[in-house]
Amino acid sequence: MDLENQARIKDLAEKYGTEDLIVVLGGAEAEASGLAAETVSQGDPTFAGPLAGVSLGLKAYHIFELKDEIDEAVYDEQISMMEMVLDVDEIVNEVKTYRG
């Protein structure tokens, strides 16, 4: 997760609190998605960004997990192609690792 996104998420958490805030990820690789989920949950493990040492405790979900919550036409147009070519289970399982 880049430093700008870390700063945005930190600012939103400070402004609105963390109780009703989630992070929706869309990474194509399980490892990168897991790293992003870890960053918003436990803090930046690389200690390079605004969330270094900051445990927000946010829950992260991959967009694939939210399929039933999204208008079917929008999902089909924007996401379904990637669902066909990526290892959805691996990505989702990696992201779930960081939800308590």
PDB file of N, CA and C in Angstrom:
ATOM      1  N   MET A   1       0.857  -1.167   0.000  1.00  0.00           N
ATOM      2  CA  MET A   1       0.000   0.000   0.000  1.00  0.00           C
ATOM      3  C   MET A   1       0.903   1.230   0.000  1.00  0.00           C
ATOM      4  N   ASP A   2       0.658   2.122  -0.948  1.00  0.00           N
ATOM      5  CA  ASP A   2       1.535   3.293  -1.053  1.00  0.00           C
ATOM      6  C   ASP A   2       1.302   4.269   0.099  1.00  0.00           C
ATOM      7  N   LEU A   3       2.241   5.173   0.250  1.00  0.00           N
ATOM      8  CA  LEU A   3       2.230   6.100   1.379  1.00  0.00           C
ATOM      9  C   LEU A   3       1.049   7.056   1.335  1.00  0.00           C
ATOM     10  N   GLU A   4       0.647   7.471   0.140  1.00  0.00           N
ATOM     11  CA  GLU A   4      -0.502   8.371   0.014  1.00  0.00           C
ATOM     12  C   GLU A   4      -1.788   7.703   0.504  1.00  0.00           C
ATOM     13  N   ASN A   5      -1.986   6.454   0.127  1.00  0.00           N
ATOM     14  CA  ASN A   5      -3.189   5.741   0.581  1.00  0.00           C
ATOM     15  C   ASN A   5      -3.156   5.502   2.077  1.00  0.00           C
ATOM     16  N   GLN A   6      -1.982   5.222   2.615  1.00  0.00           N
ATOM     17  CA  GLN A   6      -1.872   5.072   4.072  1.00  0.00           C
ATOM     18  C   GLN A   6      -2.292   6.369   4.762  1.00  0.00           C
ATOM     19  N   ALA A   7      -1.816   7.492   4.247  1.00  0.00           N
ATOM     20  CA  ALA A   7      -2.153   8.791   4.843  1.00  0.00           C
ATOM     21  C   ALA A   7      -3.652   9.063   4.739  1.00  0.00           C
ATOM     22  N   ARG A   8      -4.255   8.740   3.599  1.00  0.00           N
ATOM     23  CA  ARG A   8      -5.694   8.945   3.425  1.00  0.00           C
ATOM     24  C   ARG A   8      -6.495   8.114   4.428  1.00  0.00           C
ATOM     25  N   ILE A   9      -6.117   6.865   4.567  1.00  0.00           N
ATOM     26  CA  ILE A   9      -6.828   5.978   5.478  1.00  0.00           C
ATOM     27  C   ILE A   9      -6.653   6.439   6.923  1.00  0.00           C
ATOM     28  N   LYS A  10      -5.461   6.836   7.275  1.00  0.00           N
ATOM     29  CA  LYS A  10      -5.209   7.337   8.634  1.00  0.00           C
ATOM     30  C   LYS A  10      -6.057   8.579   8.906  1.00  0.00           C
ATOM     31  N   ASP A  11      -6.107   9.496   7.943  1.00  0.00           N
ATOM     32  CA  ASP A  11      -6.914  10.715   8.094  1.00  0.00           C
ATOM     33  C   ASP A  11      -8.400  10.392   8.245  1.00  0.00           C
ATOM     34  N   LEU A  12      -8.901   9.463   7.440  1.00  0.00           N
ATOM     35  CA  LEU A  12     -10.310   9.071   7.531  1.00  0.00           C
ATOM     36  C   LEU A  12     -10.616   8.424   8.875  1.00  0.00           C
ATOM     37  N   ALA A  13      -9.708   7.592   9.357  1.00  0.00           N
ATOM     38  CA  ALA A  13      -9.911   6.939  10.653  1.00  0.00           C
ATOM     39  C   ALA A  13      -9.925   7.969  11.778  1.00  0.00           C
ATOM     40  N   GLU A  14      -9.072   8.967  11.671  1.00  0.00           N
ATOM     41  CA  GLU A  14      -9.047  10.020  12.693  1.00  0.00           C
ATOM     42  C   GLU A  14     -10.309  10.880  12.634  1.00  0.00           C
ATOM     43  N   LYS A  15     -10.788  11.141  11.429  1.00  0.00           N
ATOM     44  CA  LYS A  15     -11.955  11.995  11.247  1.00  0.00           C
ATOM     45  C   LYS A  15     -13.257  11.291  11.629  1.00  0.00           C
ATOM     46  N   TYR A  16     -13.409  10.024  11.209  1.00  0.00           N
ATOM     47  CA  TYR A  16     -14.686   9.323  11.380  1.00  0.00           C
ATOM     48  C   TYR A  16     -14.652   8.200  12.429  1.00  0.00           C
ATOM     49  N   GLY A  17     -13.493   7.878  12.926  1.00  0.00           N
ATOM     50  CA  GLY A  17     -13.370   6.751  13.838  1.00  0.00           C
ATOM     51  C   GLY A  17     -13.234   5.456  13.053  1.00  0.00           C
ATOM     52  N   THR A  18     -12.959   4.389  13.764  1.00  0.00           N
ATOM     53  CA  THR A  18     -12.709   3.112  13.084  1.00  0.00           C
ATOM     54  C   THR A  18     -13.854   2.111  13.205  1.00  0.00           C
ATOM     55  N   GLU A  19     -14.819   2.420  14.041  1.00  0.00           N
ATOM     56  CA  GLU A  19     -15.888   1.456  14.316  1.00  0.00           C
ATOM     57  C   GLU A  19     -16.687   1.069  13.073  1.00  0.00           C
ATOM     58  N   ASP A  20     -17.040   2.032  12.242  1.00  0.00           N
ATOM     59  CA  ASP A  20     -17.867   1.767  11.069  1.00  0.00           C
ATOM     60  C   ASP A  20     -17.109   1.948   9.755  1.00  0.00           C
ATOM     61  N   LEU A  21     -15.792   1.863   9.815  1.00  0.00           N
ATOM     62  CA  LEU A  21     -14.957   2.074   8.631  1.00  0.00           C
ATOM     63  C   LEU A  21     -14.341   0.750   8.202  1.00  0.00           C
ATOM     64  N   ILE A  22     -14.459   0.430   6.912  1.00  0.00           N
ATOM     65  CA  ILE A  22     -13.787  -0.745   6.355  1.00  0.00           C
ATOM     66  C   ILE A  22     -12.942  -0.286   5.178  1.00  0.00           C
ATOM     67  N   VAL A  23     -12.027  -1.147   4.776  1.00  0.00           N
ATOM     68  CA  VAL A  23     -11.179  -0.869   3.621  1.00  0.00           C
ATOM     69  C   VAL A  23     -11.488  -1.928   2.574  1.00  0.00           C
ATOM     70  N   VAL A  24     -11.755  -1.490   1.352  1.00  0.00           N
ATOM     71  CA  VAL A  24     -12.024  -2.400   0.247  1.00  0.00           C
ATOM     72  C   VAL A  24     -10.791  -2.412  -0.651  1.00  0.00           C
ATOM     73  N   LEU A  25     -10.231  -3.608  -0.811  1.00  0.00           N
ATOM     74  CA  LEU A  25      -9.025  -3.789  -1.610  1.00  0.00           C
ATOM     75  C   LEU A  25      -9.377  -4.374  -2.969  1.00  0.00           C
ATOM     76  N   GLY A  26      -8.500  -4.171  -3.929  1.00  0.00           N
ATOM     77  CA  GLY A  26      -8.739  -4.714  -5.260  1.00  0.00           C
ATOM     78  C   GLY A  26      -7.489  -5.264  -5.906  1.00  0.00           C
ATOM     79  N   GLY A  27      -6.499  -5.593  -5.102  1.00  0.00           N
ATOM     80  CA  GLY A  27      -5.228  -6.081  -5.638  1.00  0.00           C
ATOM     81  C   GLY A  27      -5.356  -7.401  -6.366  1.00  0.00           C
ATOM     82  N   ALA A  28      -4.503  -7.589  -7.353  1.00  0.00           N
ATOM     83  CA  ALA A  28      -4.541  -8.792  -8.174  1.00  0.00           C
ATOM     84  C   ALA A  28      -3.695  -9.924  -7.608  1.00  0.00           C
ATOM     85  N   GLU A  29      -2.879  -9.635  -6.610  1.00  0.00           N
ATOM     86  CA  GLU A  29      -2.007 -10.653  -6.032  1.00  0.00           C
ATOM     87  C   GLU A  29      -2.339 -10.848  -4.558  1.00  0.00           C
ATOM     88  N   ALA A  30      -2.331 -12.083  -4.126  1.00  0.00           N
ATOM     89  CA  ALA A  30      -2.672 -12.402  -2.742  1.00  0.00           C
ATOM     90  C   ALA A  30      -1.707 -11.752  -1.766  1.00  0.00           C
ATOM     91  N   GLU A  31      -0.427 -11.821  -2.044  1.00  0.00           N
ATOM     92  CA  GLU A  31       0.566 -11.269  -1.117  1.00  0.00           C
ATOM     93  C   GLU A  31       0.399  -9.762  -0.943  1.00  0.00           C
ATOM     94  N   ALA A  32       0.203  -9.047  -2.031  1.00  0.00           N
ATOM     95  CA  ALA A  32       0.027  -7.591  -1.961  1.00  0.00           C
ATOM     96  C   ALA A  32      -1.270  -7.233  -1.239  1.00  0.00           C
ATOM     97  N   SER A  33      -2.319  -7.979  -1.497  1.00  0.00           N
ATOM     98  CA  SER A  33      -3.599  -7.729  -0.827  1.00  0.00           C
ATOM     99  C   SER A  33      -3.482  -8.007   0.666  1.00  0.00           C
ATOM    100  N   GLY A  34      -2.784  -9.073   1.007  1.00  0.00           N
ATOM    101  CA  GLY A  34      -2.570  -9.390   2.412  1.00  0.00           C
ATOM    102  C   GLY A  34      -1.743  -8.335   3.121  1.00  0.00           C
ATOM    103  N   LEU A  35      -0.730  -7.825   2.455  1.00  0.00           N
ATOM    104  CA  LEU A  35       0.107  -6.775   3.032  1.00  0.00           C
ATOM    105  C   LEU A  35      -0.717  -5.510   3.278  1.00  0.00           C
ATOM    106  N   ALA A  36      -1.588  -5.176   2.347  1.00  0.00           N
ATOM    107  CA  ALA A  36      -2.452  -4.006   2.520  1.00  0.00           C
ATOM    108  C   ALA A  36      -3.423  -4.225   3.681  1.00  0.00           C
ATOM    109  N   ALA A  37      -3.979  -5.426   3.776  1.00  0.00           N
ATOM    110  CA  ALA A  37      -4.896  -5.734   4.880  1.00  0.00           C
ATOM    111  C   ALA A  37      -4.167  -5.662   6.220  1.00  0.00           C
ATOM    112  N   GLU A  38      -2.958  -6.171   6.257  1.00  0.00           N
ATOM    113  CA  GLU A  38      -2.157  -6.102   7.482  1.00  0.00           C
ATOM    114  C   GLU A  38      -1.860  -4.654   7.857  1.00  0.00           C
ATOM    115  N   THR A  39      -1.558  -3.838   6.878  1.00  0.00           N
ATOM    116  CA  THR A  39      -1.211  -2.434   7.121  1.00  0.00           C
ATOM    117  C   THR A  39      -2.364  -1.678   7.773  1.00  0.00           C
ATOM    118  N   VAL A  40      -3.583  -1.858   7.271  1.00  0.00           N
ATOM    119  CA  VAL A  40      -4.712  -1.105   7.829  1.00  0.00           C
ATOM    120  C   VAL A  40      -5.229  -1.717   9.126  1.00  0.00           C
ATOM    121  N   SER A  41      -4.866  -2.939   9.382  1.00  0.00           N
ATOM    122  CA  SER A  41      -5.300  -3.601  10.598  1.00  0.00           C
ATOM    123  C   SER A  41      -4.282  -3.438  11.726  1.00  0.00           C
ATOM    124  N   GLN A  42      -3.040  -3.826  11.450  1.00  0.00           N
ATOM    125  CA  GLN A  42      -2.023  -3.907  12.493  1.00  0.00           C
ATOM    126  C   GLN A  42      -0.950  -2.830  12.399  1.00  0.00           C
ATOM    127  N   GLY A  43      -0.885  -2.141  11.272  1.00  0.00           N
ATOM    128  CA  GLY A  43       0.149  -1.135  11.049  1.00  0.00           C
ATOM    129  C   GLY A  43       1.070  -1.564   9.927  1.00  0.00           C
ATOM    130  N   ASP A  44       1.784  -0.625   9.367  1.00  0.00           N
ATOM    131  CA  ASP A  44       2.683  -0.881   8.240  1.00  0.00           C
ATOM    132  C   ASP A  44       3.852  -1.746   8.686  1.00  0.00           C
ATOM    133  N   PRO A  45       3.912  -3.005   8.206  1.00  0.00           N
ATOM    134  CA  PRO A  45       4.985  -3.895   8.643  1.00  0.00           C
ATOM    135  C   PRO A  45       6.360  -3.494   8.110  1.00  0.00           C
ATOM    136  N   THR A  46       6.389  -2.627   7.119  1.00  0.00           N
ATOM    137  CA  THR A  46       7.681  -2.176   6.581  1.00  0.00           C
ATOM    138  C   THR A  46       8.200  -0.946   7.319  1.00  0.00           C
ATOM    139  N   PHE A  47       7.376  -0.381   8.193  1.00  0.00           N
ATOM    140  CA  PHE A  47       7.716   0.818   8.967  1.00  0.00           C
ATOM    141  C   PHE A  47       8.181   1.960   8.069  1.00  0.00           C
ATOM    142  N   ALA A  48       7.513   2.084   6.907  1.00  0.00           N
ATOM    143  CA  ALA A  48       7.915   3.106   5.943  1.00  0.00           C
ATOM    144  C   ALA A  48       6.885   4.206   5.770  1.00  0.00           C
ATOM    145  N   GLY A  49       5.667   3.986   6.218  1.00  0.00           N
ATOM    146  CA  GLY A  49       4.619   4.951   5.918  1.00  0.00           C
ATOM    147  C   GLY A  49       3.942   5.511   7.146  1.00  0.00           C
ATOM    148  N   PRO A  50       2.913   6.307   6.916  1.00  0.00           N
ATOM    149  CA  PRO A  50       2.167   6.948   8.001  1.00  0.00           C
ATOM    150  C   PRO A  50       1.535   5.959   8.989  1.00  0.00           C
ATOM    151  N   LEU A  51       1.348   4.713   8.579  1.00  0.00           N
ATOM    152  CA  LEU A  51       0.760   3.726   9.482  1.00  0.00           C
ATOM    153  C   LEU A  51       1.821   2.854  10.164  1.00  0.00           C
ATOM    154  N   ALA A  52       3.073   3.245  10.067  1.00  0.00           N
ATOM    155  CA  ALA A  52       4.137   2.525  10.767  1.00  0.00           C
ATOM    156  C   ALA A  52       3.896   2.639  12.264  1.00  0.00           C
ATOM    157  N   GLY A  53       3.734   1.506  12.914  1.00  0.00           N
ATOM    158  CA  GLY A  53       3.497   1.498  14.347  1.00  0.00           C
ATOM    159  C   GLY A  53       2.103   1.940  14.751  1.00  0.00           C
ATOM    160  N   VAL A  54       1.204   2.119  13.781  1.00  0.00           N
ATOM    161  CA  VAL A  54      -0.161   2.566  14.060  1.00  0.00           C
ATOM    162  C   VAL A  54      -1.122   1.420  13.759  1.00  0.00           C
ATOM    163  N   SER A  55      -1.711   0.874  14.789  1.00  0.00           N
ATOM    164  CA  SER A  55      -2.658  -0.218  14.628  1.00  0.00           C
ATOM    165  C   SER A  55      -4.076   0.346  14.637  1.00  0.00           C
ATOM    166  N   LEU A  56      -4.646   0.520  13.439  1.00  0.00           N
ATOM    167  CA  LEU A  56      -5.992   1.072  13.335  1.00  0.00           C
ATOM    168  C   LEU A  56      -7.073   0.033  13.626  1.00  0.00           C
ATOM    169  N   GLY A  57      -6.735  -1.231  13.455  1.00  0.00           N
ATOM    170  CA  GLY A  57      -7.719  -2.286  13.692  1.00  0.00           C
ATOM    171  C   GLY A  57      -8.838  -2.325  12.673  1.00  0.00           C
ATOM    172  N   LEU A  58      -8.606  -1.741  11.499  1.00  0.00           N
ATOM    173  CA  LEU A  58      -9.641  -1.733  10.464  1.00  0.00           C
ATOM    174  C   LEU A  58      -9.789  -3.102   9.823  1.00  0.00           C
ATOM    175  N   LYS A  59     -10.988  -3.406   9.413  1.00  0.00           N
ATOM    176  CA  LYS A  59     -11.238  -4.637   8.683  1.00  0.00           C
ATOM    177  C   LYS A  59     -11.117  -4.346   7.199  1.00  0.00           C
ATOM    178  N   ALA A  60     -10.396  -5.217   6.508  1.00  0.00           N
ATOM    179  CA  ALA A  60     -10.223  -5.078   5.065  1.00  0.00           C
ATOM    180  C   ALA A  60     -10.915  -6.246   4.372  1.00  0.00           C
ATOM    181  N   TYR A  61     -11.536  -5.934   3.259  1.00  0.00           N
ATOM    182  CA  TYR A  61     -12.204  -6.931   2.432  1.00  0.00           C
ATOM    183  C   TYR A  61     -11.717  -6.758   1.006  1.00  0.00           C
ATOM    184  N   HIS A  62     -11.547  -7.863   0.313  1.00  0.00           N
ATOM    185  CA  HIS A  62     -11.246  -7.766  -1.113  1.00  0.00           C
ATOM    186  C   HIS A  62     -12.570  -7.595  -1.843  1.00  0.00           C
ATOM    187  N   ILE A  63     -12.551  -6.880  -2.924  1.00  0.00           N
ATOM    188  CA  ILE A  63     -13.773  -6.609  -3.692  1.00  0.00           C
ATOM    189  C   ILE A  63     -14.481  -7.907  -4.085  1.00  0.00           C
ATOM    190  N   PHE A  64     -13.724  -8.992  -4.269  1.00  0.00           N
ATOM    191  CA  PHE A  64     -14.348 -10.269  -4.602  1.00  0.00           C
ATOM    192  C   PHE A  64     -15.288 -10.747  -3.496  1.00  0.00           C
ATOM    193  N   GLU A  65     -15.000 -10.400  -2.256  1.00  0.00           N
ATOM    194  CA  GLU A  65     -15.837 -10.813  -1.134  1.00  0.00           C
ATOM    195  C   GLU A  65     -17.159 -10.059  -1.083  1.00  0.00           C
ATOM    196  N   LEU A  66     -17.234  -8.960  -1.768  1.00  0.00           N
ATOM    197  CA  LEU A  66     -18.408  -8.090  -1.702  1.00  0.00           C
ATOM    198  C   LEU A  66     -19.319  -8.225  -2.929  1.00  0.00           C
ATOM    199  N   LYS A  67     -19.103  -9.265  -3.693  1.00  0.00           N
ATOM    200  CA  LYS A  67     -19.848  -9.475  -4.934  1.00  0.00           C
ATOM    201  C   LYS A  67     -21.359  -9.359  -4.742  1.00  0.00           C
ATOM    202  N   ASP A  68     -21.872  -9.946  -3.684  1.00  0.00           N
ATOM    203  CA  ASP A  68     -23.323  -9.933  -3.455  1.00  0.00           C
ATOM    204  C   ASP A  68     -23.845  -8.563  -3.035  1.00  0.00           C
ATOM    205  N   GLU A  69     -22.958  -7.657  -2.683  1.00  0.00           N
ATOM    206  CA  GLU A  69     -23.348  -6.319  -2.240  1.00  0.00           C
ATOM    207  C   GLU A  69     -23.318  -5.292  -3.377  1.00  0.00           C
ATOM    208  N   ILE A  70     -22.841  -5.706  -4.539  1.00  0.00           N
ATOM    209  CA  ILE A  70     -22.637  -4.787  -5.658  1.00  0.00           C
ATOM    210  C   ILE A  70     -23.659  -5.071  -6.750  1.00  0.00           C
ATOM    211  N   ASP A  71     -24.158  -4.020  -7.360  1.00  0.00           N
ATOM    212  CA  ASP A  71     -25.074  -4.172  -8.484  1.00  0.00           C
ATOM    213  C   ASP A  71     -24.459  -5.142  -9.493  1.00  0.00           C
ATOM    214  N   GLU A  72     -25.235  -6.137  -9.893  1.00  0.00           N
ATOM    215  CA  GLU A  72     -24.732  -7.195 -10.764  1.00  0.00           C
ATOM    216  C   GLU A  72     -24.155  -6.659 -12.076  1.00  0.00           C
ATOM    217  N   ALA A  73     -24.800  -5.698 -12.687  1.00  0.00           N
ATOM    218  CA  ALA A  73     -24.319  -5.141 -13.949  1.00  0.00           C
ATOM    219  C   ALA A  73     -22.975  -4.432 -13.760  1.00  0.00           C
ATOM    220  N   VAL A  74     -22.841  -3.715 -12.669  1.00  0.00           N
ATOM    221  CA  VAL A  74     -21.584  -3.013 -12.380  1.00  0.00           C
ATOM    222  C   VAL A  74     -20.474  -4.032 -12.128  1.00  0.00           C
ATOM    223  N   TYR A  75     -20.763  -5.046 -11.326  1.00  0.00           N
ATOM    224  CA  TYR A  75     -19.766  -6.082 -11.041  1.00  0.00           C
ATOM    225  C   TYR A  75     -19.331  -6.765 -12.338  1.00  0.00           C
ATOM    226  N   ASP A  76     -20.295  -7.140 -13.162  1.00  0.00           N
ATOM    227  CA  ASP A  76     -19.978  -7.804 -14.426  1.00  0.00           C
ATOM    228  C   ASP A  76     -19.095  -6.933 -15.309  1.00  0.00           C
ATOM    229  N   GLU A  77     -19.409  -5.663 -15.383  1.00  0.00           N
ATOM    230  CA  GLU A  77     -18.664  -4.747 -16.249  1.00  0.00           C
ATOM    231  C   GLU A  77     -17.269  -4.438 -15.702  1.00  0.00           C
ATOM    232  N   GLN A  78     -17.154  -4.276 -14.402  1.00  0.00           N
ATOM    233  CA  GLN A  78     -15.918  -3.775 -13.817  1.00  0.00           C
ATOM    234  C   GLN A  78     -14.996  -4.850 -13.219  1.00  0.00           C
ATOM    235  N   ILE A  79     -15.547  -5.968 -12.779  1.00  0.00           N
ATOM    236  CA  ILE A  79     -14.756  -6.895 -11.969  1.00  0.00           C
ATOM    237  C   ILE A  79     -14.742  -8.331 -12.485  1.00  0.00           C
ATOM    238  N   SER A  80     -15.796  -8.771 -13.102  1.00  0.00           N
ATOM    239  CA  SER A  80     -15.948 -10.197 -13.427  1.00  0.00           C
ATOM    240  C   SER A  80     -14.812 -10.758 -14.276  1.00  0.00           C
ATOM    241  N   MET A  81     -14.256  -9.967 -15.163  1.00  0.00           N
ATOM    242  CA  MET A  81     -13.158 -10.457 -16.001  1.00  0.00           C
ATOM    243  C   MET A  81     -11.957 -10.847 -15.131  1.00  0.00           C
ATOM    244  N   MET A  82     -11.654 -10.027 -14.143  1.00  0.00           N
ATOM    245  CA  MET A  82     -10.525 -10.329 -13.271  1.00  0.00           C
ATOM    246  C   MET A  82     -10.813 -11.552 -12.407  1.00  0.00           C
ATOM    247  N   GLU A  83     -12.071 -11.718 -12.046  1.00  0.00           N
ATOM    248  CA  GLU A  83     -12.462 -12.877 -11.250  1.00  0.00           C
ATOM    249  C   GLU A  83     -12.175 -14.175 -12.002  1.00  0.00           C
ATOM    250  N   MET A  84     -12.257 -14.124 -13.325  1.00  0.00           N
ATOM    251  CA  MET A  84     -12.027 -15.315 -14.143  1.00  0.00           C
ATOM    252  C   MET A  84     -10.553 -15.673 -14.280  1.00  0.00           C
ATOM    253  N   VAL A  85      -9.659 -14.711 -14.145  1.00  0.00           N
ATOM    254  CA  VAL A  85      -8.248 -14.981 -14.417  1.00  0.00           C
ATOM    255  C   VAL A  85      -7.359 -14.998 -13.171  1.00  0.00           C
ATOM    256  N   LEU A  86      -7.890 -14.553 -12.044  1.00  0.00           N
ATOM    257  CA  LEU A  86      -7.098 -14.523 -10.815  1.00  0.00           C
ATOM    258  C   LEU A  86      -7.472 -15.672  -9.888  1.00  0.00           C
ATOM    259  N   ASP A  87      -6.592 -15.970  -8.959  1.00  0.00           N
ATOM    260  CA  ASP A  87      -6.860 -16.997  -7.958  1.00  0.00           C
ATOM    261  C   ASP A  87      -7.643 -16.342  -6.813  1.00  0.00           C
ATOM    262  N   VAL A  88      -8.947 -16.278  -6.979  1.00  0.00           N
ATOM    263  CA  VAL A  88      -9.832 -15.588  -6.043  1.00  0.00           C
ATOM    264  C   VAL A  88      -9.704 -16.159  -4.640  1.00  0.00           C
ATOM    265  N   ASP A  89      -9.706 -17.472  -4.513  1.00  0.00           N
ATOM    266  CA  ASP A  89      -9.635 -18.091  -3.192  1.00  0.00           C
ATOM    267  C   ASP A  89      -8.348 -17.718  -2.467  1.00  0.00           C
ATOM    268  N   GLU A  90      -7.244 -17.744  -3.163  1.00  0.00           N
ATOM    269  CA  GLU A  90      -5.960 -17.401  -2.540  1.00  0.00           C
ATOM    270  C   GLU A  90      -5.956 -15.947  -2.064  1.00  0.00           C
ATOM    271  N   ILE A  91      -6.454 -15.054  -2.898  1.00  0.00           N
ATOM    272  CA  ILE A  91      -6.499 -13.630  -2.545  1.00  0.00           C
ATOM    273  C   ILE A  91      -7.402 -13.404  -1.334  1.00  0.00           C
ATOM    274  N   VAL A  92      -8.599 -13.948  -1.384  1.00  0.00           N
ATOM    275  CA  VAL A  92      -9.569 -13.753  -0.305  1.00  0.00           C
ATOM    276  C   VAL A  92      -9.048 -14.357   0.998  1.00  0.00           C
ATOM    277  N   ASN A  93      -8.476 -15.539   0.932  1.00  0.00           N
ATOM    278  CA  ASN A  93      -7.955 -16.174   2.145  1.00  0.00           C
ATOM    279  C   ASN A  93      -6.826 -15.359   2.765  1.00  0.00           C
ATOM    280  N   GLU A  94      -5.991 -14.770   1.947  1.00  0.00           N
ATOM    281  CA  GLU A  94      -4.900 -13.944   2.458  1.00  0.00           C
ATOM    282  C   GLU A  94      -5.434 -12.705   3.165  1.00  0.00           C
ATOM    283  N   VAL A  95      -6.426 -12.071   2.579  1.00  0.00           N
ATOM    284  CA  VAL A  95      -7.020 -10.870   3.191  1.00  0.00           C
ATOM    285  C   VAL A  95      -7.732 -11.233   4.494  1.00  0.00           C
ATOM    286  N   LYS A  96      -8.446 -12.345   4.506  1.00  0.00           N
ATOM    287  CA  LYS A  96      -9.165 -12.780   5.698  1.00  0.00           C
ATOM    288  C   LYS A  96      -8.236 -13.036   6.882  1.00  0.00           C
ATOM    289  N   THR A  97      -6.994 -13.378   6.592  1.00  0.00           N
ATOM    290  CA  THR A  97      -6.012 -13.656   7.641  1.00  0.00           C
ATOM    291  C   THR A  97      -5.894 -12.508   8.637  1.00  0.00           C
ATOM    292  N   TYR A  98      -6.125 -11.289   8.165  1.00  0.00           N
ATOM    293  CA  TYR A  98      -5.908 -10.111   9.002  1.00  0.00           C
ATOM    294  C   TYR A  98      -7.193  -9.526   9.588  1.00  0.00           C
ATOM    295  N   ARG A  99      -8.280 -10.268   9.467  1.00  0.00           N
ATOM    296  CA  ARG A  99      -9.539  -9.858  10.113  1.00  0.00           C
ATOM    297  C   ARG A  99      -9.726 -10.683  11.359  1.00  0.00           C
ATOM    298  N   GLY A 100      -9.853 -10.032  12.484  1.00  0.00           N
ATOM    299  CA  GLY A 100      -9.975 -10.754  13.747  1.00  0.00           C
ATOM    300  C   GLY A 100     -11.324 -11.245  14.066  1.00  0.00           C
TER     301      GLY A 100
END
